[in-house]
Amino acid sequence: MDITRIGGIAQGGAPAGLGRFVGEARRYPLVPMFVLVVLLIIPAVFADLIAPHDPYKVNPRERLTPPAWSGPQYLNGVEVRPTGSWENILGTDKLGRDVLSRIMHGARYSLSISLLAILAGGVVGSGLGVLAGYFGGLLDHVVMRLVDVFITIPGLLFALVLAIVLGPSFSTIVLVVAVILWPRFARMSRAETLSMRSRDFVSRAKVSGCSDTRIMLRHIFPNVVNPLVVLVTLEVGHVILLEATLSFLGAGIPRPIPAWGLMVSDGRDLIVGGNGWWVSLFPGLAILLVVLSMNLSGDWLRDKLDPKLRNR
């Protein structure tokens, strides 16, 4: 008997059904990738065309309109909440702005911050990691001690302090996230470079007279790309969650930009009592689904790019 599954509980305490679902999603990530396309990529690229309303338009007459499928709410025979309207499918917030339109435009900021921050952190971290792993010595020691320092600092606390000092803005968030990410890329690229620099093809390139720059760019870095691509896919979800957290705490994207974290923050005082639960619920669901789908897609990509895992 497999004691790890007694009572329908998989190893690690997760329900067996959930474990099977996650396992199937990692093997065949059509659903996670579909979620990413629908919730993140298409809205981010075509938000101006497909959003039903202007995300910044304030309409006090339609404030806190519930989702389209909701009926009226009465208190002591008096209507305290109107019927939902298909003009605002997911309802409106406290200022009468359309929630669906703001979620669509918020996807643009989430994706833009993720791509720019990962690009900046990845280029700096990967470059320093390859240099440290190839040359070793003092350079390797200095780079890795810097990596140790940045990794030991709590990421969220560091991001909050830096964002408050520099002021909340789009560029500040990109810089903050890039500073947090570069040590991860540096560690991975250094580890891969250390395993590559002793290979026969690198030794033959040195014997043939190739310069160090050519060896790193033409022989080592192409072999480091695969694990870095997997790391990028996994970090997208982390960046979206970090940006949403900073925006929720007031240290991220400034108002009135429709960032997902800000939308959750705007509706947190409306959850109790049910007067505006949809204001926080739907952007929160968008964050949850995108982060989960990104992680599952990254796991699948890792399995496909790693020959050992693929053969298994």
C-alpha atoms as a PDB file:
ATOM      1  CA  MET A   1       0.000   0.000   0.000  1.00  0.00           C
ATOM      2  CA  ASP A   2       1.220   3.471  -0.878  1.00  0.00           C
ATOM      3  CA  ILE A   3       1.015   5.278   2.452  1.00  0.00           C
ATOM      4  CA  THR A   4       1.658   8.621   0.744  1.00  0.00           C
ATOM      5  CA  ARG A   5      -1.829   8.534  -0.760  1.00  0.00           C
ATOM      6  CA  ILE A   6      -3.942   7.199   2.132  1.00  0.00           C
ATOM      7  CA  GLY A   7      -7.248   9.021   2.345  1.00  0.00           C
ATOM      8  CA  GLY A   8      -6.888  10.548  -1.098  1.00  0.00           C
ATOM      9  CA  ILE A   9      -4.035  12.802   0.025  1.00  0.00           C
ATOM     10  CA  ALA A  10      -0.981  12.990  -2.187  1.00  0.00           C
ATOM     11  CA  GLN A  11       2.537  13.326  -0.841  1.00  0.00           C
ATOM     12  CA  GLY A  12       3.080  16.793   0.615  1.00  0.00           C
ATOM     13  CA  GLY A  13      -0.492  17.081   1.908  1.00  0.00           C
ATOM     14  CA  ALA A  14      -2.168  18.109  -1.374  1.00  0.00           C
ATOM     15  CA  PRO A  15      -5.395  16.371  -2.458  1.00  0.00           C
ATOM     16  CA  ALA A  16      -4.830  13.581  -4.968  1.00  0.00           C
ATOM     17  CA  GLY A  17      -7.200  15.149  -7.493  1.00  0.00           C
ATOM     18  CA  LEU A  18      -5.357  18.447  -7.350  1.00  0.00           C
ATOM     19  CA  GLY A  19      -2.029  16.639  -7.740  1.00  0.00           C
ATOM     20  CA  ARG A  20      -3.289  14.846 -10.842  1.00  0.00           C
ATOM     21  CA  PHE A  21      -4.591  18.118 -12.285  1.00  0.00           C
ATOM     22  CA  VAL A  22      -1.265  19.896 -11.742  1.00  0.00           C
ATOM     23  CA  GLY A  23       0.616  16.909 -13.173  1.00  0.00           C
ATOM     24  CA  GLU A  24      -1.519  16.846 -16.298  1.00  0.00           C
ATOM     25  CA  ALA A  25      -1.219  20.621 -16.709  1.00  0.00           C
ATOM     26  CA  ARG A  26       2.570  20.327 -16.549  1.00  0.00           C
ATOM     27  CA  ARG A  27       2.577  17.589 -19.187  1.00  0.00           C
ATOM     28  CA  TYR A  28       0.024  19.202 -21.522  1.00  0.00           C
ATOM     29  CA  PRO A  29       0.006  22.959 -20.783  1.00  0.00           C
ATOM     30  CA  LEU A  30      -2.698  23.879 -23.291  1.00  0.00           C
ATOM     31  CA  VAL A  31      -5.006  25.219 -20.592  1.00  0.00           C
ATOM     32  CA  PRO A  32      -2.329  27.306 -18.808  1.00  0.00           C
ATOM     33  CA  MET A  33      -1.078  28.706 -22.104  1.00  0.00           C
ATOM     34  CA  PHE A  34      -4.647  29.484 -23.186  1.00  0.00           C
ATOM     35  CA  VAL A  35      -5.202  31.345 -19.917  1.00  0.00           C
ATOM     36  CA  LEU A  36      -2.018  33.344 -20.481  1.00  0.00           C
ATOM     37  CA  VAL A  37      -3.043  34.281 -24.013  1.00  0.00           C
ATOM     38  CA  VAL A  38      -6.583  35.282 -22.996  1.00  0.00           C
ATOM     39  CA  LEU A  39      -5.814  37.085 -19.728  1.00  0.00           C
ATOM     40  CA  LEU A  40      -2.361  38.539 -20.354  1.00  0.00           C
ATOM     41  CA  ILE A  41      -1.068  38.656 -23.912  1.00  0.00           C
ATOM     42  CA  ILE A  42      -4.170  39.602 -25.928  1.00  0.00           C
ATOM     43  CA  PRO A  43      -5.404  42.253 -23.443  1.00  0.00           C
ATOM     44  CA  ALA A  44      -1.899  43.680 -23.113  1.00  0.00           C
ATOM     45  CA  VAL A  45      -1.469  44.064 -26.882  1.00  0.00           C
ATOM     46  CA  PHE A  46      -5.018  44.945 -27.953  1.00  0.00           C
ATOM     47  CA  ALA A  47      -6.468  46.620 -24.853  1.00  0.00           C
ATOM     48  CA  ASP A  48      -7.234  49.844 -26.720  1.00  0.00           C
ATOM     49  CA  LEU A  49      -9.255  47.897 -29.309  1.00  0.00           C
ATOM     50  CA  ILE A  50     -11.113  45.289 -27.253  1.00  0.00           C
ATOM     51  CA  ALA A  51     -11.746  47.095 -23.961  1.00  0.00           C
ATOM     52  CA  PRO A  52     -15.451  48.042 -23.853  1.00  0.00           C
ATOM     53  CA  HIS A  53     -14.893  51.336 -22.000  1.00  0.00           C
ATOM     54  CA  ASP A  54     -12.274  53.936 -21.193  1.00  0.00           C
ATOM     55  CA  PRO A  55     -10.518  52.614 -18.057  1.00  0.00           C
ATOM     56  CA  TYR A  56     -10.037  56.165 -16.729  1.00  0.00           C
ATOM     57  CA  LYS A  57     -13.581  57.425 -17.330  1.00  0.00           C
ATOM     58  CA  VAL A  58     -15.343  58.307 -14.078  1.00  0.00           C
ATOM     59  CA  ASN A  59     -19.138  57.911 -13.948  1.00  0.00           C
ATOM     60  CA  PRO A  60     -20.563  58.589 -10.464  1.00  0.00           C
ATOM     61  CA  ARG A  61     -24.067  57.580 -11.544  1.00  0.00           C
ATOM     62  CA  GLU A  62     -22.914  54.020 -12.190  1.00  0.00           C
ATOM     63  CA  ARG A  63     -20.605  53.618  -9.179  1.00  0.00           C
ATOM     64  CA  LEU A  64     -20.490  50.119  -7.660  1.00  0.00           C
ATOM     65  CA  THR A  65     -22.675  48.597 -10.343  1.00  0.00           C
ATOM     66  CA  PRO A  66     -22.527  44.812  -9.734  1.00  0.00           C
ATOM     67  CA  PRO A  67     -21.605  42.242 -12.402  1.00  0.00           C
ATOM     68  CA  ALA A  68     -24.109  41.705 -15.194  1.00  0.00           C
ATOM     69  CA  TRP A  69     -25.550  38.480 -13.751  1.00  0.00           C
ATOM     70  CA  SER A  70     -26.268  39.995 -10.303  1.00  0.00           C
ATOM     71  CA  GLY A  71     -29.750  40.916  -9.220  1.00  0.00           C
ATOM     72  CA  PRO A  72     -30.820  43.813  -6.995  1.00  0.00           C
ATOM     73  CA  GLN A  73     -30.131  43.743  -3.248  1.00  0.00           C
ATOM     74  CA  TYR A  74     -32.719  44.938  -0.746  1.00  0.00           C
ATOM     75  CA  LEU A  75     -32.456  46.010   2.873  1.00  0.00           C
ATOM     76  CA  ASN A  76     -35.712  46.441   4.813  1.00  0.00           C
ATOM     77  CA  GLY A  77     -37.567  46.616   1.548  1.00  0.00           C
ATOM     78  CA  VAL A  78     -35.309  49.323   0.131  1.00  0.00           C
ATOM     79  CA  GLU A  79     -33.057  48.639  -2.838  1.00  0.00           C
ATOM     80  CA  VAL A  80     -29.490  49.257  -1.729  1.00  0.00           C
ATOM     81  CA  ARG A  81     -27.784  47.789  -4.758  1.00  0.00           C
ATOM     82  CA  PRO A  82     -29.054  47.928  -8.342  1.00  0.00           C
ATOM     83  CA  THR A  83     -29.275  45.146 -10.876  1.00  0.00           C
ATOM     84  CA  GLY A  84     -26.148  44.396 -12.890  1.00  0.00           C
ATOM     85  CA  SER A  85     -25.835  45.725 -16.420  1.00  0.00           C
ATOM     86  CA  TRP A  86     -24.316  44.093 -19.493  1.00  0.00           C
ATOM     87  CA  GLU A  87     -22.777  47.467 -20.264  1.00  0.00           C
ATOM     88  CA  ASN A  88     -20.377  46.690 -17.416  1.00  0.00           C
ATOM     89  CA  ILE A  89     -19.980  42.921 -17.485  1.00  0.00           C
ATOM     90  CA  LEU A  90     -17.769  42.698 -14.388  1.00  0.00           C
ATOM     91  CA  GLY A  91     -19.287  45.736 -12.686  1.00  0.00           C
ATOM     92  CA  THR A  92     -17.804  49.109 -11.803  1.00  0.00           C
ATOM     93  CA  ASP A  93     -15.647  50.413  -8.961  1.00  0.00           C
ATOM     94  CA  LYS A  94     -16.236  53.227  -6.448  1.00  0.00           C
ATOM     95  CA  LEU A  95     -15.781  55.883  -9.128  1.00  0.00           C
ATOM     96  CA  GLY A  96     -17.948  54.186 -11.742  1.00  0.00           C
ATOM     97  CA  ARG A  97     -15.021  52.931 -13.842  1.00  0.00           C
ATOM     98  CA  ASP A  98     -15.490  49.675 -15.726  1.00  0.00           C
ATOM     99  CA  VAL A  99     -13.694  46.799 -13.973  1.00  0.00           C
ATOM    100  CA  LEU A 100     -13.249  44.661 -17.103  1.00  0.00           C
ATOM    101  CA  SER A 101     -11.659  47.509 -19.052  1.00  0.00           C
ATOM    102  CA  ARG A 102      -9.298  48.278 -16.190  1.00  0.00           C
ATOM    103  CA  ILE A 103      -8.276  44.609 -15.931  1.00  0.00           C
ATOM    104  CA  MET A 104      -7.490  44.556 -19.655  1.00  0.00           C
ATOM    105  CA  HIS A 105      -5.372  47.691 -19.481  1.00  0.00           C
ATOM    106  CA  GLY A 106      -3.772  46.456 -16.260  1.00  0.00           C
ATOM    107  CA  ALA A 107      -2.487  43.419 -18.143  1.00  0.00           C
ATOM    108  CA  ARG A 108      -0.434  45.783 -20.319  1.00  0.00           C
ATOM    109  CA  TYR A 109       1.376  47.224 -17.314  1.00  0.00           C
ATOM    110  CA  SER A 110       1.929  43.814 -15.724  1.00  0.00           C
ATOM    111  CA  LEU A 111       3.398  42.365 -18.920  1.00  0.00           C
ATOM    112  CA  SER A 112       5.481  45.470 -19.684  1.00  0.00           C
ATOM    113  CA  ILE A 113       7.003  45.577 -16.207  1.00  0.00           C
ATOM    114  CA  SER A 114       7.734  41.852 -16.326  1.00  0.00           C
ATOM    115  CA  LEU A 115       9.456  41.968 -19.709  1.00  0.00           C
ATOM    116  CA  LEU A 116      11.507  45.099 -19.033  1.00  0.00           C
ATOM    117  CA  ALA A 117      12.546  44.092 -15.508  1.00  0.00           C
ATOM    118  CA  ILE A 118      13.464  40.550 -16.531  1.00  0.00           C
ATOM    119  CA  LEU A 119      15.351  41.851 -19.567  1.00  0.00           C
ATOM    120  CA  ALA A 120      17.370  44.302 -17.467  1.00  0.00           C
ATOM    121  CA  GLY A 121      17.978  41.893 -14.592  1.00  0.00           C
ATOM    122  CA  GLY A 122      18.658  38.998 -16.953  1.00  0.00           C
ATOM    123  CA  VAL A 123      21.208  40.848 -19.079  1.00  0.00           C
ATOM    124  CA  VAL A 124      23.127  42.174 -16.064  1.00  0.00           C
ATOM    125  CA  GLY A 125      22.915  38.977 -14.032  1.00  0.00           C
ATOM    126  CA  SER A 126      23.674  36.599 -16.893  1.00  0.00           C
ATOM    127  CA  GLY A 127      26.605  38.702 -18.088  1.00  0.00           C
ATOM    128  CA  LEU A 128      28.168  38.911 -14.637  1.00  0.00           C
ATOM    129  CA  GLY A 129      27.542  35.206 -14.031  1.00  0.00           C
ATOM    130  CA  VAL A 130      29.224  34.131 -17.255  1.00  0.00           C
ATOM    131  CA  LEU A 131      32.197  36.418 -16.599  1.00  0.00           C
ATOM    132  CA  ALA A 132      32.549  35.190 -13.017  1.00  0.00           C
ATOM    133  CA  GLY A 133      32.274  31.538 -13.993  1.00  0.00           C
ATOM    134  CA  TYR A 134      34.681  31.797 -16.904  1.00  0.00           C
ATOM    135  CA  PHE A 135      37.477  33.881 -15.372  1.00  0.00           C
ATOM    136  CA  GLY A 136      37.052  32.895 -11.707  1.00  0.00           C
ATOM    137  CA  GLY A 137      39.479  34.363  -9.195  1.00  0.00           C
ATOM    138  CA  LEU A 138      38.835  37.789  -7.715  1.00  0.00           C
ATOM    139  CA  LEU A 139      36.053  38.635 -10.154  1.00  0.00           C
ATOM    140  CA  ASP A 140      34.183  35.475  -9.239  1.00  0.00           C
ATOM    141  CA  HIS A 141      34.641  36.184  -5.533  1.00  0.00           C
ATOM    142  CA  VAL A 142      33.369  39.781  -5.784  1.00  0.00           C
ATOM    143  CA  VAL A 143      30.352  38.907  -7.948  1.00  0.00           C
ATOM    144  CA  MET A 144      29.255  35.999  -5.770  1.00  0.00           C
ATOM    145  CA  ARG A 145      29.617  38.007  -2.571  1.00  0.00           C
ATOM    146  CA  LEU A 146      27.382  40.666  -4.104  1.00  0.00           C
ATOM    147  CA  VAL A 147      24.920  37.947  -5.050  1.00  0.00           C
ATOM    148  CA  ASP A 148      24.956  36.617  -1.496  1.00  0.00           C
ATOM    149  CA  VAL A 149      24.300  40.086  -0.106  1.00  0.00           C
ATOM    150  CA  PHE A 150      21.338  40.783  -2.403  1.00  0.00           C
ATOM    151  CA  ILE A 151      19.804  37.336  -1.906  1.00  0.00           C
ATOM    152  CA  THR A 152      19.927  37.561   1.884  1.00  0.00           C
ATOM    153  CA  ILE A 153      18.021  40.872   1.843  1.00  0.00           C
ATOM    154  CA  PRO A 154      14.222  40.290   2.018  1.00  0.00           C
ATOM    155  CA  GLY A 155      13.036  41.076  -1.483  1.00  0.00           C
ATOM    156  CA  LEU A 156       9.713  42.674  -0.587  1.00  0.00           C
ATOM    157  CA  LEU A 157      11.205  44.825   2.173  1.00  0.00           C
ATOM    158  CA  PHE A 158      14.027  45.980  -0.107  1.00  0.00           C
ATOM    159  CA  ALA A 159      11.542  46.746  -2.882  1.00  0.00           C
ATOM    160  CA  LEU A 160       9.347  48.757  -0.520  1.00  0.00           C
ATOM    161  CA  VAL A 161      12.248  50.842   0.776  1.00  0.00           C
ATOM    162  CA  LEU A 162      13.669  51.501  -2.693  1.00  0.00           C
ATOM    163  CA  ALA A 163      10.258  52.306  -4.166  1.00  0.00           C
ATOM    164  CA  ILE A 164       9.469  54.739  -1.347  1.00  0.00           C
ATOM    165  CA  VAL A 165      12.864  56.455  -1.656  1.00  0.00           C
ATOM    166  CA  LEU A 166      12.633  56.843  -5.437  1.00  0.00           C
ATOM    167  CA  GLY A 167       8.898  57.471  -5.508  1.00  0.00           C
ATOM    168  CA  PRO A 168       6.182  55.254  -7.029  1.00  0.00           C
ATOM    169  CA  SER A 169       6.340  55.147 -10.825  1.00  0.00           C
ATOM    170  CA  PHE A 170       6.587  52.714 -13.724  1.00  0.00           C
ATOM    171  CA  SER A 171      10.353  53.160 -14.122  1.00  0.00           C
ATOM    172  CA  THR A 172      10.918  52.765 -10.374  1.00  0.00           C
ATOM    173  CA  ILE A 173       9.128  49.422 -10.313  1.00  0.00           C
ATOM    174  CA  VAL A 174      11.156  48.183 -13.282  1.00  0.00           C
ATOM    175  CA  LEU A 175      14.384  49.204 -11.561  1.00  0.00           C
ATOM    176  CA  VAL A 176      13.355  47.689  -8.217  1.00  0.00           C
ATOM    177  CA  VAL A 177      12.366  44.360  -9.742  1.00  0.00           C
ATOM    178  CA  ALA A 178      15.508  44.217 -11.907  1.00  0.00           C
ATOM    179  CA  VAL A 179      17.689  44.754  -8.827  1.00  0.00           C
ATOM    180  CA  ILE A 180      15.900  41.897  -7.073  1.00  0.00           C
ATOM    181  CA  LEU A 181      16.155  39.526 -10.059  1.00  0.00           C
ATOM    182  CA  TRP A 182      19.743  39.890 -11.264  1.00  0.00           C
ATOM    183  CA  PRO A 183      21.316  37.685  -8.517  1.00  0.00           C
ATOM    184  CA  ARG A 184      19.167  34.724  -9.583  1.00  0.00           C
ATOM    185  CA  PHE A 185      20.328  34.985 -13.170  1.00  0.00           C
ATOM    186  CA  ALA A 186      23.922  35.470 -12.034  1.00  0.00           C
ATOM    187  CA  ARG A 187      23.922  32.322  -9.903  1.00  0.00           C
ATOM    188  CA  MET A 188      22.392  30.151 -12.606  1.00  0.00           C
ATOM    189  CA  SER A 189      24.591  31.432 -15.442  1.00  0.00           C
ATOM    190  CA  ARG A 190      27.730  31.083 -13.287  1.00  0.00           C
ATOM    191  CA  ALA A 191      26.864  27.501 -12.373  1.00  0.00           C
ATOM    192  CA  GLU A 192      26.269  26.582 -16.014  1.00  0.00           C
ATOM    193  CA  THR A 193      29.469  28.348 -17.105  1.00  0.00           C
ATOM    194  CA  LEU A 194      31.540  26.458 -14.526  1.00  0.00           C
ATOM    195  CA  SER A 195      30.272  23.185 -15.954  1.00  0.00           C
ATOM    196  CA  MET A 196      30.959  24.314 -19.527  1.00  0.00           C
ATOM    197  CA  ARG A 197      34.423  25.868 -19.304  1.00  0.00           C
ATOM    198  CA  SER A 198      36.084  22.494 -18.645  1.00  0.00           C
ATOM    199  CA  ARG A 199      34.432  20.796 -21.632  1.00  0.00           C
ATOM    200  CA  ASP A 200      36.479  19.597 -24.575  1.00  0.00           C
ATOM    201  CA  PHE A 201      34.955  22.022 -27.086  1.00  0.00           C
ATOM    202  CA  VAL A 202      36.022  24.983 -24.934  1.00  0.00           C
ATOM    203  CA  SER A 203      39.572  23.609 -24.650  1.00  0.00           C
ATOM    204  CA  ARG A 204      39.715  23.096 -28.413  1.00  0.00           C
ATOM    205  CA  ALA A 205      38.490  26.657 -28.976  1.00  0.00           C
ATOM    206  CA  LYS A 206      41.322  27.957 -26.786  1.00  0.00           C
ATOM    207  CA  VAL A 207      43.884  25.851 -28.625  1.00  0.00           C
ATOM    208  CA  SER A 208      42.620  27.103 -31.959  1.00  0.00           C
ATOM    209  CA  GLY A 209      43.299  30.682 -30.854  1.00  0.00           C
ATOM    210  CA  CYS A 210      39.782  31.937 -30.099  1.00  0.00           C
ATOM    211  CA  SER A 211      39.635  34.946 -27.816  1.00  0.00           C
ATOM    212  CA  ASP A 212      37.922  34.787 -24.448  1.00  0.00           C
ATOM    213  CA  THR A 213      35.120  37.005 -25.699  1.00  0.00           C
ATOM    214  CA  ARG A 214      34.448  34.744 -28.677  1.00  0.00           C
ATOM    215  CA  ILE A 215      34.503  31.624 -26.495  1.00  0.00           C
ATOM    216  CA  MET A 216      31.990  33.118 -24.061  1.00  0.00           C
ATOM    217  CA  LEU A 217      29.668  34.416 -26.775  1.00  0.00           C
ATOM    218  CA  ARG A 218      29.889  31.584 -29.322  1.00  0.00           C
ATOM    219  CA  HIS A 219      30.590  28.489 -27.235  1.00  0.00           C
ATOM    220  CA  ILE A 220      29.489  28.992 -23.637  1.00  0.00           C
ATOM    221  CA  PHE A 221      26.520  31.360 -23.675  1.00  0.00           C
ATOM    222  CA  PRO A 222      24.446  29.344 -26.226  1.00  0.00           C
ATOM    223  CA  ASN A 223      24.668  26.383 -23.849  1.00  0.00           C
ATOM    224  CA  VAL A 224      23.503  28.542 -20.941  1.00  0.00           C
ATOM    225  CA  VAL A 225      20.415  29.854 -22.734  1.00  0.00           C
ATOM    226  CA  ASN A 226      18.082  26.902 -22.059  1.00  0.00           C
ATOM    227  CA  PRO A 227      18.088  27.093 -18.239  1.00  0.00           C
ATOM    228  CA  LEU A 228      17.892  30.875 -18.461  1.00  0.00           C
ATOM    229  CA  VAL A 229      14.775  30.649 -20.653  1.00  0.00           C
ATOM    230  CA  VAL A 230      13.132  28.407 -18.069  1.00  0.00           C
ATOM    231  CA  LEU A 231      14.089  30.853 -15.322  1.00  0.00           C
ATOM    232  CA  VAL A 232      12.562  33.709 -17.313  1.00  0.00           C
ATOM    233  CA  THR A 233       9.220  31.910 -17.642  1.00  0.00           C
ATOM    234  CA  LEU A 234       9.148  31.192 -13.927  1.00  0.00           C
ATOM    235  CA  GLU A 235      10.116  34.741 -12.990  1.00  0.00           C
ATOM    236  CA  VAL A 236       7.308  36.344 -15.016  1.00  0.00           C
ATOM    237  CA  GLY A 237       4.751  35.110 -12.501  1.00  0.00           C
ATOM    238  CA  HIS A 238       6.975  36.210  -9.629  1.00  0.00           C
ATOM    239  CA  VAL A 239       7.362  39.692 -11.093  1.00  0.00           C
ATOM    240  CA  ILE A 240       3.618  40.093 -11.667  1.00  0.00           C
ATOM    241  CA  LEU A 241       2.945  39.063  -8.070  1.00  0.00           C
ATOM    242  CA  LEU A 242       5.655  41.397  -6.738  1.00  0.00           C
ATOM    243  CA  GLU A 243       4.382  44.334  -8.776  1.00  0.00           C
ATOM    244  CA  ALA A 244       0.818  43.675  -7.611  1.00  0.00           C
ATOM    245  CA  THR A 245       2.003  43.511  -3.999  1.00  0.00           C
ATOM    246  CA  LEU A 246       3.882  46.801  -4.247  1.00  0.00           C
ATOM    247  CA  SER A 247       0.921  48.483  -5.937  1.00  0.00           C
ATOM    248  CA  PHE A 248      -1.416  47.071  -3.287  1.00  0.00           C
ATOM    249  CA  LEU A 249       0.778  48.587  -0.562  1.00  0.00           C
ATOM    250  CA  GLY A 250       0.906  51.957  -2.316  1.00  0.00           C
ATOM    251  CA  ALA A 251       4.578  51.749  -3.327  1.00  0.00           C
ATOM    252  CA  GLY A 252       4.105  50.607  -6.903  1.00  0.00           C
ATOM    253  CA  ILE A 253       2.183  51.976  -9.862  1.00  0.00           C
ATOM    254  CA  PRO A 254       0.579  55.318  -8.905  1.00  0.00           C
ATOM    255  CA  ARG A 255      -3.120  56.022  -9.250  1.00  0.00           C
ATOM    256  CA  PRO A 256      -5.166  56.288 -11.440  1.00  0.00           C
ATOM    257  CA  ILE A 257      -3.241  53.797 -13.615  1.00  0.00           C
ATOM    258  CA  PRO A 258      -5.256  50.548 -13.750  1.00  0.00           C
ATOM    259  CA  ALA A 259      -2.724  48.180 -12.179  1.00  0.00           C
ATOM    260  CA  TRP A 260      -4.091  44.895 -10.834  1.00  0.00           C
ATOM    261  CA  GLY A 261      -2.619  45.401  -7.369  1.00  0.00           C
ATOM    262  CA  LEU A 262      -4.158  48.868  -7.135  1.00  0.00           C
ATOM    263  CA  MET A 263      -7.549  47.492  -8.147  1.00  0.00           C
ATOM    264  CA  VAL A 264      -7.393  44.891  -5.384  1.00  0.00           C
ATOM    265  CA  SER A 265      -6.404  47.616  -2.926  1.00  0.00           C
ATOM    266  CA  ASP A 266      -9.241  49.924  -4.037  1.00  0.00           C
ATOM    267  CA  GLY A 267     -11.848  47.274  -3.319  1.00  0.00           C
ATOM    268  CA  ARG A 268     -10.533  45.758  -0.088  1.00  0.00           C
ATOM    269  CA  ASP A 269     -12.814  47.887   2.106  1.00  0.00           C
ATOM    270  CA  LEU A 270     -15.847  46.839   0.024  1.00  0.00           C
ATOM    271  CA  ILE A 271     -15.493  43.088   0.510  1.00  0.00           C
ATOM    272  CA  VAL A 272     -17.099  42.989   3.957  1.00  0.00           C
ATOM    273  CA  GLY A 273     -20.840  43.302   3.584  1.00  0.00           C
ATOM    274  CA  GLY A 274     -20.823  42.410  -0.110  1.00  0.00           C
ATOM    275  CA  ASN A 275     -21.274  45.997  -1.280  1.00  0.00           C
ATOM    276  CA  GLY A 276     -18.472  45.753  -3.840  1.00  0.00           C
ATOM    277  CA  TRP A 277     -16.814  42.345  -3.646  1.00  0.00           C
ATOM    278  CA  TRP A 278     -16.277  42.275  -7.413  1.00  0.00           C
ATOM    279  CA  VAL A 279     -13.905  45.269  -7.360  1.00  0.00           C
ATOM    280  CA  SER A 280     -11.169  43.170  -5.702  1.00  0.00           C
ATOM    281  CA  LEU A 281     -12.262  39.682  -6.711  1.00  0.00           C
ATOM    282  CA  PHE A 282     -11.806  39.836 -10.482  1.00  0.00           C
ATOM    283  CA  PRO A 283      -8.352  41.488 -10.594  1.00  0.00           C
ATOM    284  CA  GLY A 284      -7.310  39.111  -7.812  1.00  0.00           C
ATOM    285  CA  LEU A 285      -8.477  36.159  -9.910  1.00  0.00           C
ATOM    286  CA  ALA A 286      -6.540  37.534 -12.879  1.00  0.00           C
ATOM    287  CA  ILE A 287      -3.357  37.648 -10.788  1.00  0.00           C
ATOM    288  CA  LEU A 288      -3.965  34.125  -9.472  1.00  0.00           C
ATOM    289  CA  LEU A 289      -4.660  32.555 -12.863  1.00  0.00           C
ATOM    290  CA  VAL A 290      -1.800  34.293 -14.664  1.00  0.00           C
ATOM    291  CA  VAL A 291       0.799  33.450 -11.996  1.00  0.00           C
ATOM    292  CA  LEU A 292      -0.363  29.840 -11.723  1.00  0.00           C
ATOM    293  CA  SER A 293      -0.457  29.394 -15.505  1.00  0.00           C
ATOM    294  CA  MET A 294       2.992  30.954 -15.891  1.00  0.00           C
ATOM    295  CA  ASN A 295       4.467  28.606 -13.293  1.00  0.00           C
ATOM    296  CA  LEU A 296       2.877  25.535 -14.872  1.00  0.00           C
ATOM    297  CA  SER A 297       4.079  26.586 -18.330  1.00  0.00           C
ATOM    298  CA  GLY A 298       7.574  27.137 -16.947  1.00  0.00           C
ATOM    299  CA  ASP A 299       7.594  23.665 -15.398  1.00  0.00           C
ATOM    300  CA  TRP A 300       6.541  22.153 -18.721  1.00  0.00           C
ATOM    301  CA  LEU A 301       9.217  24.094 -20.588  1.00  0.00           C
ATOM    302  CA  ARG A 302      11.844  22.953 -18.094  1.00  0.00           C
ATOM    303  CA  ASP A 303      10.821  19.335 -18.614  1.00  0.00           C
ATOM    304  CA  LYS A 304      11.051  19.748 -22.383  1.00  0.00           C
ATOM    305  CA  LEU A 305      14.426  21.495 -22.425  1.00  0.00           C
ATOM    306  CA  ASP A 306      16.114  19.195 -19.870  1.00  0.00           C
ATOM    307  CA  PRO A 307      17.105  15.942 -21.631  1.00  0.00           C
ATOM    308  CA  LYS A 308      17.109  13.975 -18.364  1.00  0.00           C
ATOM    309  CA  LEU A 309      13.598  15.031 -17.430  1.00  0.00           C
ATOM    310  CA  ARG A 310      12.366  14.615 -21.005  1.00  0.00           C
ATOM    311  CA  ASN A 311      13.658  11.023 -21.246  1.00  0.00           C
ATOM    312  CA  ARG A 312      12.172  10.193 -17.855  1.00  0.00           C
END
